[in-house]
Amino acid sequence: MIAIIDYRMGNLRSVEKGFEHAGVNDVCVTDDPAVLAVADGIVLPGVGGFRDASANLRASGMWDVLLERVKDGTPFLGICLGLQLLADVGLEDGEWAGLGLVPGTCERLPGGVKIPHIGWNTVDYPRESPLFDGIDESTAFYFVHSYRLVPTDESCIIGSVEYGVRFAAAVQFGPAAFAVQFHPEKSSTDGLHLLANFGNIVGEAKK
């Protein structure tokens, strides 16, 4: 079972439906740490502010369980804000502690471009990853965000995009932990393909 974390941020039903349309049906939305503790895979979605997201995750009891499961190797997929929260620190309206799973900072997109970044942009792959299996280089995905993850070690970047500056559109840390800045559930056929890939990764990890 893949657990989609409900921490009161974002349209969780659209992520759940995305997996269902991708043929991944053993998915549930949950705010119960006990469910998260036994899930085969974990998804951290979200739209909104870093500070509130961090506070809500802690208040729900999900924070420590999430860290423990991901560090133990449970397949993980962060989406949008779920990628940004992986940083050590978020710099949105102050300075806030992140999960620290990907060392680095969450910073505002640079000036000179319209913010928020909304729309379709092509993603290139600096290195191979099973998350993008069968998805062509320079495929367009749908973005909605004002902040970006700036990892200390860029070798974790498996997808990059250009919008005012080139930045991380997707990262991988460990064999089965991934996060994307774009919204695969809103990215048509290729986005569903990515969700199906994650479903396959979860299935392989269970064997």
N, C-alpha and C. Protein backbone atom coordinates (compact mmCIF):
# COMPACT_ATOMS: atom_id res chain seq x y z
N MET A 1 0.84 -1.19 0.00
CA MET A 1 0.00 0.00 0.00
C MET A 1 0.88 1.25 0.00
N ILE A 2 0.52 2.23 -0.84
CA ILE A 2 1.21 3.52 -0.89
C ILE A 2 0.40 4.52 -0.09
N ALA A 3 1.04 5.14 0.89
CA ALA A 3 0.37 6.12 1.75
C ALA A 3 0.68 7.53 1.25
N ILE A 4 -0.38 8.30 0.95
CA ILE A 4 -0.25 9.71 0.60
C ILE A 4 -0.50 10.52 1.87
N ILE A 5 0.50 11.25 2.31
CA ILE A 5 0.41 11.93 3.60
C ILE A 5 -0.52 13.14 3.53
N ASP A 6 -1.50 13.14 4.42
CA ASP A 6 -2.43 14.26 4.54
C ASP A 6 -1.96 15.14 5.70
N TYR A 7 -1.36 16.29 5.35
CA TYR A 7 -0.98 17.24 6.39
C TYR A 7 -1.58 18.62 6.11
N ARG A 8 -2.78 18.55 5.51
CA ARG A 8 -3.61 19.73 5.28
C ARG A 8 -3.00 20.70 4.29
N MET A 9 -2.24 20.18 3.32
CA MET A 9 -1.63 21.05 2.31
C MET A 9 -1.83 20.43 0.93
N GLY A 10 -2.58 21.10 0.06
CA GLY A 10 -2.69 20.67 -1.32
C GLY A 10 -3.90 19.78 -1.59
N ASN A 11 -4.10 19.52 -2.87
CA ASN A 11 -5.23 18.72 -3.33
C ASN A 11 -4.82 17.25 -3.35
N LEU A 12 -5.03 16.58 -2.24
CA LEU A 12 -4.58 15.20 -2.11
C LEU A 12 -5.37 14.25 -3.00
N ARG A 13 -6.63 14.56 -3.20
CA ARG A 13 -7.47 13.69 -4.02
C ARG A 13 -6.95 13.63 -5.46
N SER A 14 -6.41 14.74 -5.97
CA SER A 14 -5.90 14.72 -7.34
C SER A 14 -4.68 13.81 -7.45
N VAL A 15 -3.87 13.75 -6.41
CA VAL A 15 -2.72 12.84 -6.42
C VAL A 15 -3.20 11.39 -6.35
N GLU A 16 -4.16 11.14 -5.49
CA GLU A 16 -4.72 9.79 -5.38
C GLU A 16 -5.33 9.35 -6.71
N LYS A 17 -6.09 10.23 -7.35
CA LYS A 17 -6.69 9.89 -8.64
C LYS A 17 -5.63 9.70 -9.71
N GLY A 18 -4.54 10.48 -9.63
CA GLY A 18 -3.45 10.31 -10.59
C GLY A 18 -2.88 8.90 -10.54
N PHE A 19 -2.64 8.40 -9.34
CA PHE A 19 -2.15 7.03 -9.20
C PHE A 19 -3.17 6.03 -9.74
N GLU A 20 -4.45 6.25 -9.43
CA GLU A 20 -5.47 5.33 -9.91
C GLU A 20 -5.51 5.31 -11.44
N HIS A 21 -5.42 6.48 -12.07
CA HIS A 21 -5.41 6.55 -13.54
C HIS A 21 -4.15 5.92 -14.12
N ALA A 22 -3.09 5.89 -13.31
CA ALA A 22 -1.84 5.27 -13.76
C ALA A 22 -1.84 3.77 -13.55
N GLY A 23 -2.93 3.25 -12.99
CA GLY A 23 -3.04 1.81 -12.76
C GLY A 23 -2.47 1.36 -11.43
N VAL A 24 -2.20 2.32 -10.53
CA VAL A 24 -1.70 2.00 -9.19
C VAL A 24 -2.85 2.18 -8.22
N ASN A 25 -3.48 1.10 -7.83
CA ASN A 25 -4.76 1.20 -7.11
C ASN A 25 -4.65 1.03 -5.59
N ASP A 26 -3.56 0.45 -5.12
CA ASP A 26 -3.42 0.23 -3.68
C ASP A 26 -2.80 1.48 -3.05
N VAL A 27 -3.62 2.54 -2.99
CA VAL A 27 -3.18 3.86 -2.53
C VAL A 27 -4.21 4.39 -1.54
N CYS A 28 -3.74 5.06 -0.49
CA CYS A 28 -4.68 5.68 0.43
C CYS A 28 -4.13 7.01 0.93
N VAL A 29 -5.03 7.95 1.19
CA VAL A 29 -4.68 9.22 1.82
C VAL A 29 -4.84 9.05 3.32
N THR A 30 -3.82 9.43 4.10
CA THR A 30 -3.88 9.18 5.54
C THR A 30 -3.22 10.30 6.34
N ASP A 31 -3.78 10.54 7.53
CA ASP A 31 -3.13 11.44 8.49
C ASP A 31 -2.76 10.66 9.76
N ASP A 32 -2.68 9.34 9.63
CA ASP A 32 -2.42 8.45 10.76
C ASP A 32 -0.97 7.96 10.71
N PRO A 33 -0.14 8.34 11.68
CA PRO A 33 1.25 7.88 11.68
C PRO A 33 1.36 6.36 11.71
N ALA A 34 0.39 5.68 12.30
CA ALA A 34 0.43 4.21 12.36
C ALA A 34 0.30 3.60 10.97
N VAL A 35 -0.48 4.21 10.11
CA VAL A 35 -0.60 3.74 8.73
C VAL A 35 0.70 3.99 7.98
N LEU A 36 1.27 5.17 8.20
CA LEU A 36 2.54 5.51 7.56
C LEU A 36 3.64 4.53 7.97
N ALA A 37 3.58 4.06 9.18
CA ALA A 37 4.62 3.18 9.72
C ALA A 37 4.66 1.82 9.04
N VAL A 38 3.57 1.40 8.39
CA VAL A 38 3.52 0.08 7.76
C VAL A 38 3.34 0.15 6.24
N ALA A 39 3.32 1.36 5.68
CA ALA A 39 3.11 1.52 4.24
C ALA A 39 4.30 0.98 3.46
N ASP A 40 4.02 0.46 2.27
CA ASP A 40 5.08 -0.04 1.39
C ASP A 40 5.78 1.10 0.65
N GLY A 41 5.06 2.20 0.45
CA GLY A 41 5.61 3.38 -0.20
C GLY A 41 4.94 4.61 0.38
N ILE A 42 5.63 5.75 0.28
CA ILE A 42 5.14 6.99 0.89
C ILE A 42 5.20 8.11 -0.13
N VAL A 43 4.14 8.91 -0.18
CA VAL A 43 4.10 10.09 -1.05
C VAL A 43 3.85 11.32 -0.17
N LEU A 44 4.70 12.34 -0.34
CA LEU A 44 4.55 13.61 0.37
C LEU A 44 4.24 14.69 -0.66
N PRO A 45 2.96 15.00 -0.88
CA PRO A 45 2.59 16.04 -1.84
C PRO A 45 2.48 17.39 -1.12
N GLY A 46 1.93 18.38 -1.80
CA GLY A 46 1.68 19.63 -1.09
C GLY A 46 1.78 20.86 -1.97
N VAL A 47 0.96 21.84 -1.64
CA VAL A 47 1.00 23.17 -2.25
C VAL A 47 0.84 24.15 -1.11
N GLY A 48 1.71 25.14 -1.01
CA GLY A 48 1.58 26.11 0.06
C GLY A 48 2.91 26.51 0.63
N GLY A 49 2.93 26.96 1.90
CA GLY A 49 4.12 27.52 2.50
C GLY A 49 4.93 26.51 3.28
N PHE A 50 6.24 26.69 3.26
CA PHE A 50 7.18 25.80 3.93
C PHE A 50 6.93 25.78 5.43
N ARG A 51 6.75 26.96 6.03
CA ARG A 51 6.58 27.04 7.48
C ARG A 51 5.36 26.26 7.95
N ASP A 52 4.22 26.50 7.32
CA ASP A 52 2.99 25.83 7.75
C ASP A 52 3.07 24.33 7.49
N ALA A 53 3.67 23.95 6.37
CA ALA A 53 3.79 22.53 6.06
C ALA A 53 4.64 21.82 7.11
N SER A 54 5.76 22.43 7.46
CA SER A 54 6.64 21.85 8.48
C SER A 54 5.92 21.72 9.81
N ALA A 55 5.20 22.78 10.19
CA ALA A 55 4.46 22.76 11.47
C ALA A 55 3.37 21.70 11.47
N ASN A 56 2.64 21.58 10.35
CA ASN A 56 1.56 20.61 10.28
C ASN A 56 2.07 19.17 10.33
N LEU A 57 3.20 18.92 9.67
CA LEU A 57 3.78 17.58 9.71
C LEU A 57 4.19 17.20 11.13
N ARG A 58 4.76 18.14 11.84
CA ARG A 58 5.16 17.87 13.23
C ARG A 58 3.93 17.64 14.12
N ALA A 59 2.93 18.53 13.96
CA ALA A 59 1.74 18.43 14.80
C ALA A 59 0.97 17.14 14.57
N SER A 60 1.02 16.62 13.36
CA SER A 60 0.28 15.40 13.02
C SER A 60 0.96 14.14 13.55
N GLY A 61 2.21 14.26 13.96
CA GLY A 61 2.97 13.09 14.38
C GLY A 61 3.64 12.36 13.23
N MET A 62 3.51 12.93 12.01
CA MET A 62 4.05 12.27 10.83
C MET A 62 5.56 12.49 10.67
N TRP A 63 6.07 13.59 11.17
CA TRP A 63 7.45 14.02 10.91
C TRP A 63 8.46 12.92 11.22
N ASP A 64 8.47 12.45 12.47
CA ASP A 64 9.47 11.46 12.90
C ASP A 64 9.29 10.12 12.20
N VAL A 65 8.03 9.72 11.99
CA VAL A 65 7.77 8.45 11.30
C VAL A 65 8.26 8.52 9.86
N LEU A 66 7.99 9.63 9.20
CA LEU A 66 8.43 9.82 7.82
C LEU A 66 9.95 9.73 7.73
N LEU A 67 10.64 10.45 8.60
CA LEU A 67 12.11 10.41 8.58
C LEU A 67 12.63 8.99 8.78
N GLU A 68 12.06 8.30 9.75
CA GLU A 68 12.51 6.94 10.05
C GLU A 68 12.30 6.00 8.88
N ARG A 69 11.11 6.07 8.26
CA ARG A 69 10.80 5.15 7.16
C ARG A 69 11.69 5.42 5.95
N VAL A 70 11.87 6.69 5.60
CA VAL A 70 12.70 7.01 4.43
C VAL A 70 14.14 6.60 4.67
N LYS A 71 14.66 6.87 5.86
CA LYS A 71 16.04 6.48 6.17
C LYS A 71 16.21 4.97 6.19
N ASP A 72 15.13 4.25 6.45
CA ASP A 72 15.17 2.78 6.44
C ASP A 72 15.06 2.20 5.03
N GLY A 73 14.81 3.07 4.03
CA GLY A 73 14.78 2.61 2.65
C GLY A 73 13.40 2.44 2.05
N THR A 74 12.35 2.84 2.75
CA THR A 74 11.00 2.77 2.19
C THR A 74 10.90 3.67 0.96
N PRO A 75 10.40 3.16 -0.18
CA PRO A 75 10.26 4.01 -1.36
C PRO A 75 9.45 5.27 -1.05
N PHE A 76 9.93 6.40 -1.56
CA PHE A 76 9.36 7.70 -1.22
C PHE A 76 9.29 8.56 -2.47
N LEU A 77 8.19 9.33 -2.59
CA LEU A 77 8.06 10.31 -3.66
C LEU A 77 7.53 11.61 -3.08
N GLY A 78 8.31 12.68 -3.18
CA GLY A 78 7.86 14.01 -2.81
C GLY A 78 7.39 14.76 -4.04
N ILE A 79 6.33 15.55 -3.90
CA ILE A 79 5.77 16.30 -5.03
C ILE A 79 5.66 17.77 -4.64
N CYS A 80 6.26 18.66 -5.43
CA CYS A 80 6.19 20.11 -5.28
C CYS A 80 6.70 20.54 -3.91
N LEU A 81 5.84 20.99 -3.02
CA LEU A 81 6.27 21.34 -1.67
C LEU A 81 6.90 20.14 -0.97
N GLY A 82 6.49 18.94 -1.36
CA GLY A 82 7.07 17.72 -0.81
C GLY A 82 8.52 17.53 -1.19
N LEU A 83 8.97 18.17 -2.27
CA LEU A 83 10.39 18.20 -2.61
C LEU A 83 11.09 19.27 -1.77
N GLN A 84 10.52 20.45 -1.69
CA GLN A 84 11.16 21.56 -0.99
C GLN A 84 11.41 21.25 0.49
N LEU A 85 10.48 20.51 1.11
CA LEU A 85 10.60 20.18 2.52
C LEU A 85 11.76 19.25 2.82
N LEU A 86 12.38 18.65 1.81
CA LEU A 86 13.51 17.77 2.02
C LEU A 86 14.77 18.53 2.42
N ALA A 87 14.80 19.84 2.16
CA ALA A 87 15.98 20.65 2.46
C ALA A 87 16.24 20.75 3.95
N ASP A 88 17.45 21.16 4.30
CA ASP A 88 17.77 21.44 5.70
C ASP A 88 16.97 22.63 6.22
N VAL A 89 16.84 23.65 5.33
CA VAL A 89 16.25 24.93 5.74
C VAL A 89 15.39 25.48 4.61
N GLY A 90 14.22 26.03 4.96
CA GLY A 90 13.39 26.77 4.02
C GLY A 90 13.48 28.25 4.31
N LEU A 91 13.69 29.07 3.27
CA LEU A 91 13.88 30.51 3.44
C LEU A 91 12.67 31.29 2.93
N GLU A 92 11.49 30.84 3.30
CA GLU A 92 10.24 31.50 2.90
C GLU A 92 9.64 32.21 4.11
N ASP A 93 9.65 33.55 4.07
CA ASP A 93 9.12 34.35 5.20
C ASP A 93 9.82 33.99 6.50
N GLY A 94 11.13 33.91 6.46
CA GLY A 94 11.91 33.55 7.63
C GLY A 94 12.81 32.38 7.33
N GLU A 95 13.22 31.68 8.36
CA GLU A 95 14.10 30.52 8.21
C GLU A 95 13.51 29.38 9.03
N TRP A 96 13.19 28.27 8.34
CA TRP A 96 12.46 27.18 8.97
C TRP A 96 13.15 25.85 8.72
N ALA A 97 13.15 24.99 9.72
CA ALA A 97 13.82 23.70 9.60
C ALA A 97 13.04 22.77 8.69
N GLY A 98 13.77 22.14 7.76
CA GLY A 98 13.18 21.13 6.90
C GLY A 98 13.55 19.74 7.38
N LEU A 99 13.20 18.74 6.58
CA LEU A 99 13.45 17.35 6.95
C LEU A 99 14.93 16.98 6.92
N GLY A 100 15.72 17.71 6.14
CA GLY A 100 17.15 17.45 6.08
C GLY A 100 17.53 16.17 5.36
N LEU A 101 16.66 15.64 4.55
CA LEU A 101 16.97 14.42 3.81
C LEU A 101 17.82 14.69 2.58
N VAL A 102 17.71 15.91 2.04
CA VAL A 102 18.58 16.35 0.95
C VAL A 102 19.27 17.63 1.43
N PRO A 103 20.52 17.56 1.87
CA PRO A 103 21.20 18.75 2.38
C PRO A 103 21.14 19.91 1.40
N GLY A 104 20.75 21.08 1.91
CA GLY A 104 20.62 22.24 1.06
C GLY A 104 19.55 23.18 1.59
N THR A 105 19.15 24.12 0.75
CA THR A 105 18.17 25.13 1.14
C THR A 105 17.03 25.19 0.15
N CYS A 106 15.89 25.68 0.62
CA CYS A 106 14.75 25.97 -0.24
C CYS A 106 14.71 27.48 -0.41
N GLU A 107 14.93 27.98 -1.62
CA GLU A 107 15.09 29.41 -1.88
C GLU A 107 14.09 29.90 -2.93
N ARG A 108 13.77 31.18 -2.87
CA ARG A 108 12.86 31.78 -3.84
C ARG A 108 13.49 31.79 -5.23
N LEU A 109 12.67 31.60 -6.24
CA LEU A 109 13.15 31.71 -7.61
C LEU A 109 13.73 33.10 -7.85
N PRO A 110 14.71 33.22 -8.73
CA PRO A 110 15.38 34.51 -8.93
C PRO A 110 14.48 35.54 -9.60
N GLY A 111 14.86 36.80 -9.45
CA GLY A 111 14.13 37.86 -10.13
C GLY A 111 14.32 37.81 -11.63
N GLY A 112 13.48 38.55 -12.34
CA GLY A 112 13.58 38.59 -13.79
C GLY A 112 12.64 37.66 -14.50
N VAL A 113 11.94 36.82 -13.76
CA VAL A 113 10.93 35.94 -14.34
C VAL A 113 9.64 36.10 -13.55
N LYS A 114 8.52 35.77 -14.18
CA LYS A 114 7.23 35.87 -13.50
C LYS A 114 7.14 34.82 -12.40
N ILE A 115 6.76 35.26 -11.22
CA ILE A 115 6.61 34.37 -10.07
C ILE A 115 5.18 34.51 -9.54
N PRO A 116 4.48 33.40 -9.30
CA PRO A 116 4.98 32.03 -9.35
C PRO A 116 5.22 31.52 -10.76
N HIS A 117 6.05 30.51 -10.85
CA HIS A 117 6.30 29.79 -12.09
C HIS A 117 5.11 28.85 -12.31
N ILE A 118 4.30 29.16 -13.32
CA ILE A 118 3.11 28.35 -13.60
C ILE A 118 3.13 27.95 -15.07
N GLY A 119 3.07 26.66 -15.33
CA GLY A 119 2.96 26.19 -16.70
C GLY A 119 3.86 25.02 -17.01
N TRP A 120 3.91 24.69 -18.30
CA TRP A 120 4.64 23.52 -18.77
C TRP A 120 6.08 23.90 -19.11
N ASN A 121 7.02 23.12 -18.61
CA ASN A 121 8.43 23.31 -18.94
C ASN A 121 9.10 21.95 -19.14
N THR A 122 10.07 21.92 -20.05
CA THR A 122 10.75 20.67 -20.36
C THR A 122 11.80 20.35 -19.29
N VAL A 123 11.91 19.07 -19.00
CA VAL A 123 12.84 18.57 -17.99
C VAL A 123 13.90 17.72 -18.68
N ASP A 124 15.16 18.01 -18.37
CA ASP A 124 16.29 17.22 -18.88
C ASP A 124 16.85 16.36 -17.75
N TYR A 125 17.54 15.29 -18.13
CA TYR A 125 17.99 14.30 -17.16
C TYR A 125 19.52 14.29 -17.08
N PRO A 126 20.11 14.89 -16.04
CA PRO A 126 21.57 14.85 -15.89
C PRO A 126 22.10 13.43 -15.67
N ARG A 127 21.28 12.55 -15.09
CA ARG A 127 21.68 11.15 -14.94
C ARG A 127 20.44 10.27 -14.97
N GLU A 128 20.67 9.00 -15.23
CA GLU A 128 19.55 8.07 -15.36
C GLU A 128 18.93 7.78 -14.00
N SER A 129 17.62 7.56 -14.02
CA SER A 129 16.90 7.17 -12.82
C SER A 129 15.69 6.34 -13.21
N PRO A 130 15.35 5.34 -12.40
CA PRO A 130 14.17 4.52 -12.72
C PRO A 130 12.88 5.32 -12.67
N LEU A 131 12.88 6.49 -12.03
CA LEU A 131 11.67 7.29 -11.97
C LEU A 131 11.25 7.77 -13.36
N PHE A 132 12.23 7.96 -14.26
CA PHE A 132 11.94 8.45 -15.60
C PHE A 132 12.02 7.35 -16.66
N ASP A 133 12.01 6.10 -16.26
CA ASP A 133 12.06 5.00 -17.23
C ASP A 133 10.95 5.15 -18.27
N GLY A 134 11.33 5.11 -19.55
CA GLY A 134 10.34 5.17 -20.62
C GLY A 134 9.80 6.56 -20.91
N ILE A 135 10.34 7.58 -20.26
CA ILE A 135 9.90 8.97 -20.49
C ILE A 135 11.04 9.71 -21.17
N ASP A 136 10.80 10.23 -22.36
CA ASP A 136 11.86 10.84 -23.16
C ASP A 136 12.47 12.06 -22.49
N GLU A 137 13.75 12.26 -22.78
CA GLU A 137 14.43 13.49 -22.37
C GLU A 137 13.69 14.69 -22.95
N SER A 138 13.71 15.81 -22.20
CA SER A 138 13.07 17.07 -22.60
C SER A 138 11.54 16.94 -22.70
N THR A 139 10.96 16.04 -21.93
CA THR A 139 9.51 15.97 -21.80
C THR A 139 9.03 17.13 -20.95
N ALA A 140 7.86 17.68 -21.29
CA ALA A 140 7.30 18.80 -20.54
C ALA A 140 6.41 18.30 -19.40
N PHE A 141 6.59 18.91 -18.23
CA PHE A 141 5.76 18.64 -17.06
C PHE A 141 5.19 19.96 -16.55
N TYR A 142 4.16 19.87 -15.71
CA TYR A 142 3.44 21.06 -15.27
C TYR A 142 3.94 21.52 -13.90
N PHE A 143 4.34 22.80 -13.84
CA PHE A 143 4.90 23.39 -12.63
C PHE A 143 3.99 24.48 -12.06
N VAL A 144 3.93 24.56 -10.73
CA VAL A 144 3.28 25.68 -10.03
C VAL A 144 4.06 25.91 -8.73
N HIS A 145 4.93 26.92 -8.71
CA HIS A 145 5.74 27.13 -7.50
C HIS A 145 6.46 28.48 -7.57
N SER A 146 6.92 28.93 -6.39
CA SER A 146 7.70 30.17 -6.28
C SER A 146 9.08 29.92 -5.69
N TYR A 147 9.29 28.73 -5.14
CA TYR A 147 10.55 28.38 -4.49
C TYR A 147 11.14 27.15 -5.14
N ARG A 148 12.43 26.95 -4.90
CA ARG A 148 13.16 25.82 -5.50
C ARG A 148 14.12 25.23 -4.48
N LEU A 149 14.40 23.95 -4.64
CA LEU A 149 15.39 23.27 -3.82
C LEU A 149 16.78 23.53 -4.41
N VAL A 150 17.70 23.96 -3.56
CA VAL A 150 19.10 24.16 -3.96
C VAL A 150 19.95 23.18 -3.17
N PRO A 151 20.21 21.99 -3.70
CA PRO A 151 20.95 20.98 -2.94
C PRO A 151 22.44 21.32 -2.84
N THR A 152 23.03 20.97 -1.71
CA THR A 152 24.46 21.18 -1.51
C THR A 152 25.26 20.35 -2.49
N ASP A 153 24.83 19.13 -2.72
CA ASP A 153 25.50 18.20 -3.64
C ASP A 153 24.59 17.99 -4.84
N GLU A 154 24.97 18.54 -5.98
CA GLU A 154 24.11 18.49 -7.16
C GLU A 154 24.04 17.11 -7.80
N SER A 155 24.83 16.16 -7.30
CA SER A 155 24.79 14.82 -7.89
C SER A 155 23.45 14.12 -7.63
N CYS A 156 22.64 14.66 -6.69
CA CYS A 156 21.32 14.06 -6.43
C CYS A 156 20.30 14.45 -7.50
N ILE A 157 20.63 15.43 -8.34
CA ILE A 157 19.67 15.93 -9.33
C ILE A 157 19.52 14.94 -10.48
N ILE A 158 18.28 14.48 -10.70
CA ILE A 158 18.01 13.56 -11.82
C ILE A 158 17.15 14.22 -12.89
N GLY A 159 16.67 15.43 -12.62
CA GLY A 159 15.91 16.19 -13.59
C GLY A 159 16.16 17.67 -13.36
N SER A 160 16.41 18.42 -14.44
CA SER A 160 16.63 19.86 -14.29
C SER A 160 15.76 20.62 -15.28
N VAL A 161 15.46 21.88 -14.92
CA VAL A 161 14.59 22.72 -15.74
C VAL A 161 15.14 24.13 -15.74
N GLU A 162 14.87 24.87 -16.82
CA GLU A 162 15.34 26.25 -16.95
C GLU A 162 14.16 27.19 -16.80
N TYR A 163 14.25 28.07 -15.79
CA TYR A 163 13.25 29.14 -15.63
C TYR A 163 13.93 30.28 -14.87
N GLY A 164 14.55 31.18 -15.63
CA GLY A 164 15.35 32.24 -15.04
C GLY A 164 16.74 31.75 -14.66
N VAL A 165 16.80 30.54 -14.17
CA VAL A 165 18.04 29.84 -13.82
C VAL A 165 17.75 28.36 -13.94
N ARG A 166 18.78 27.56 -14.16
CA ARG A 166 18.56 26.11 -14.19
C ARG A 166 18.56 25.59 -12.76
N PHE A 167 17.55 24.78 -12.43
CA PHE A 167 17.44 24.29 -11.06
C PHE A 167 16.89 22.87 -11.06
N ALA A 168 16.84 22.28 -9.87
CA ALA A 168 16.43 20.88 -9.71
C ALA A 168 14.94 20.73 -9.93
N ALA A 169 14.57 19.96 -10.94
CA ALA A 169 13.17 19.60 -11.16
C ALA A 169 12.86 18.25 -10.55
N ALA A 170 13.91 17.45 -10.28
CA ALA A 170 13.73 16.13 -9.67
C ALA A 170 15.04 15.72 -9.02
N VAL A 171 14.93 15.03 -7.88
CA VAL A 171 16.11 14.52 -7.18
C VAL A 171 15.89 13.07 -6.80
N GLN A 172 17.01 12.37 -6.61
CA GLN A 172 16.99 11.02 -6.08
C GLN A 172 18.03 10.93 -4.98
N PHE A 173 17.65 10.40 -3.82
CA PHE A 173 18.59 10.23 -2.72
C PHE A 173 18.40 8.82 -2.18
N GLY A 174 19.34 7.96 -2.48
CA GLY A 174 19.18 6.55 -2.18
C GLY A 174 18.53 5.83 -3.34
N PRO A 175 18.42 4.50 -3.25
CA PRO A 175 17.92 3.71 -4.38
C PRO A 175 16.44 3.89 -4.68
N ALA A 176 15.64 4.33 -3.72
CA ALA A 176 14.19 4.36 -3.94
C ALA A 176 13.52 5.60 -3.38
N ALA A 177 14.27 6.66 -3.18
CA ALA A 177 13.71 7.91 -2.66
C ALA A 177 13.87 9.01 -3.69
N PHE A 178 12.74 9.62 -4.06
CA PHE A 178 12.70 10.58 -5.16
C PHE A 178 11.82 11.77 -4.76
N ALA A 179 12.00 12.88 -5.48
CA ALA A 179 11.08 14.00 -5.33
C ALA A 179 11.12 14.83 -6.60
N VAL A 180 9.98 15.42 -6.94
CA VAL A 180 9.87 16.24 -8.15
C VAL A 180 9.24 17.59 -7.80
N GLN A 181 9.70 18.64 -8.48
CA GLN A 181 9.14 19.97 -8.25
C GLN A 181 7.82 20.16 -9.01
N PHE A 182 7.67 19.46 -10.11
CA PHE A 182 6.46 19.57 -10.93
C PHE A 182 5.35 18.68 -10.36
N HIS A 183 4.18 18.76 -10.98
CA HIS A 183 3.03 17.96 -10.55
C HIS A 183 2.78 16.86 -11.57
N PRO A 184 3.23 15.62 -11.30
CA PRO A 184 2.97 14.55 -12.27
C PRO A 184 1.48 14.27 -12.43
N GLU A 185 0.70 14.46 -11.37
CA GLU A 185 -0.75 14.19 -11.45
C GLU A 185 -1.47 15.18 -12.36
N LYS A 186 -0.79 16.29 -12.73
CA LYS A 186 -1.36 17.29 -13.64
C LYS A 186 -0.61 17.34 -14.97
N SER A 187 0.25 16.36 -15.21
CA SER A 187 1.14 16.39 -16.36
C SER A 187 0.79 15.36 -17.43
N SER A 188 -0.49 15.09 -17.58
CA SER A 188 -1.00 14.26 -18.68
C SER A 188 -0.35 12.87 -18.69
N THR A 189 -0.20 12.30 -19.87
CA THR A 189 0.24 10.91 -20.01
C THR A 189 1.62 10.66 -19.40
N ASP A 190 2.54 11.58 -19.62
CA ASP A 190 3.90 11.37 -19.12
C ASP A 190 3.94 11.46 -17.60
N GLY A 191 3.12 12.33 -17.01
CA GLY A 191 3.04 12.40 -15.56
C GLY A 191 2.50 11.12 -14.96
N LEU A 192 1.48 10.55 -15.62
CA LEU A 192 0.93 9.28 -15.15
C LEU A 192 1.95 8.15 -15.30
N HIS A 193 2.74 8.24 -16.37
CA HIS A 193 3.81 7.25 -16.57
C HIS A 193 4.79 7.30 -15.39
N LEU A 194 5.13 8.50 -14.96
CA LEU A 194 6.04 8.64 -13.82
C LEU A 194 5.43 8.03 -12.55
N LEU A 195 4.14 8.29 -12.31
CA LEU A 195 3.49 7.71 -11.14
C LEU A 195 3.47 6.18 -11.24
N ALA A 196 3.26 5.66 -12.44
CA ALA A 196 3.30 4.21 -12.63
C ALA A 196 4.70 3.68 -12.35
N ASN A 197 5.72 4.42 -12.77
CA ASN A 197 7.10 4.00 -12.48
C ASN A 197 7.32 3.91 -10.97
N PHE A 198 6.82 4.90 -10.25
CA PHE A 198 6.99 4.84 -8.79
C PHE A 198 6.24 3.65 -8.21
N GLY A 199 5.06 3.38 -8.73
CA GLY A 199 4.32 2.19 -8.29
C GLY A 199 5.12 0.92 -8.53
N ASN A 200 5.82 0.85 -9.67
CA ASN A 200 6.65 -0.32 -9.96
C ASN A 200 7.83 -0.41 -9.00
N ILE A 201 8.41 0.73 -8.67
CA ILE A 201 9.53 0.77 -7.72
C ILE A 201 9.08 0.25 -6.36
N VAL A 202 7.89 0.65 -5.93
CA VAL A 202 7.35 0.16 -4.67
C VAL A 202 7.12 -1.35 -4.73
N GLY A 203 6.57 -1.80 -5.85
CA GLY A 203 6.33 -3.23 -6.02
C GLY A 203 7.61 -4.05 -5.99
N GLU A 204 8.67 -3.56 -6.64
CA GLU A 204 9.95 -4.27 -6.64
C GLU A 204 10.56 -4.33 -5.24
N ALA A 205 10.37 -3.25 -4.47
CA ALA A 205 10.94 -3.20 -3.12
C ALA A 205 10.27 -4.20 -2.19
N LYS A 206 9.04 -4.60 -2.50
CA LYS A 206 8.30 -5.54 -1.66
C LYS A 206 8.77 -6.98 -1.87
N LYS A 207 9.42 -7.24 -3.01
CA LYS A 207 9.79 -8.61 -3.36
C LYS A 207 10.94 -9.12 -2.47
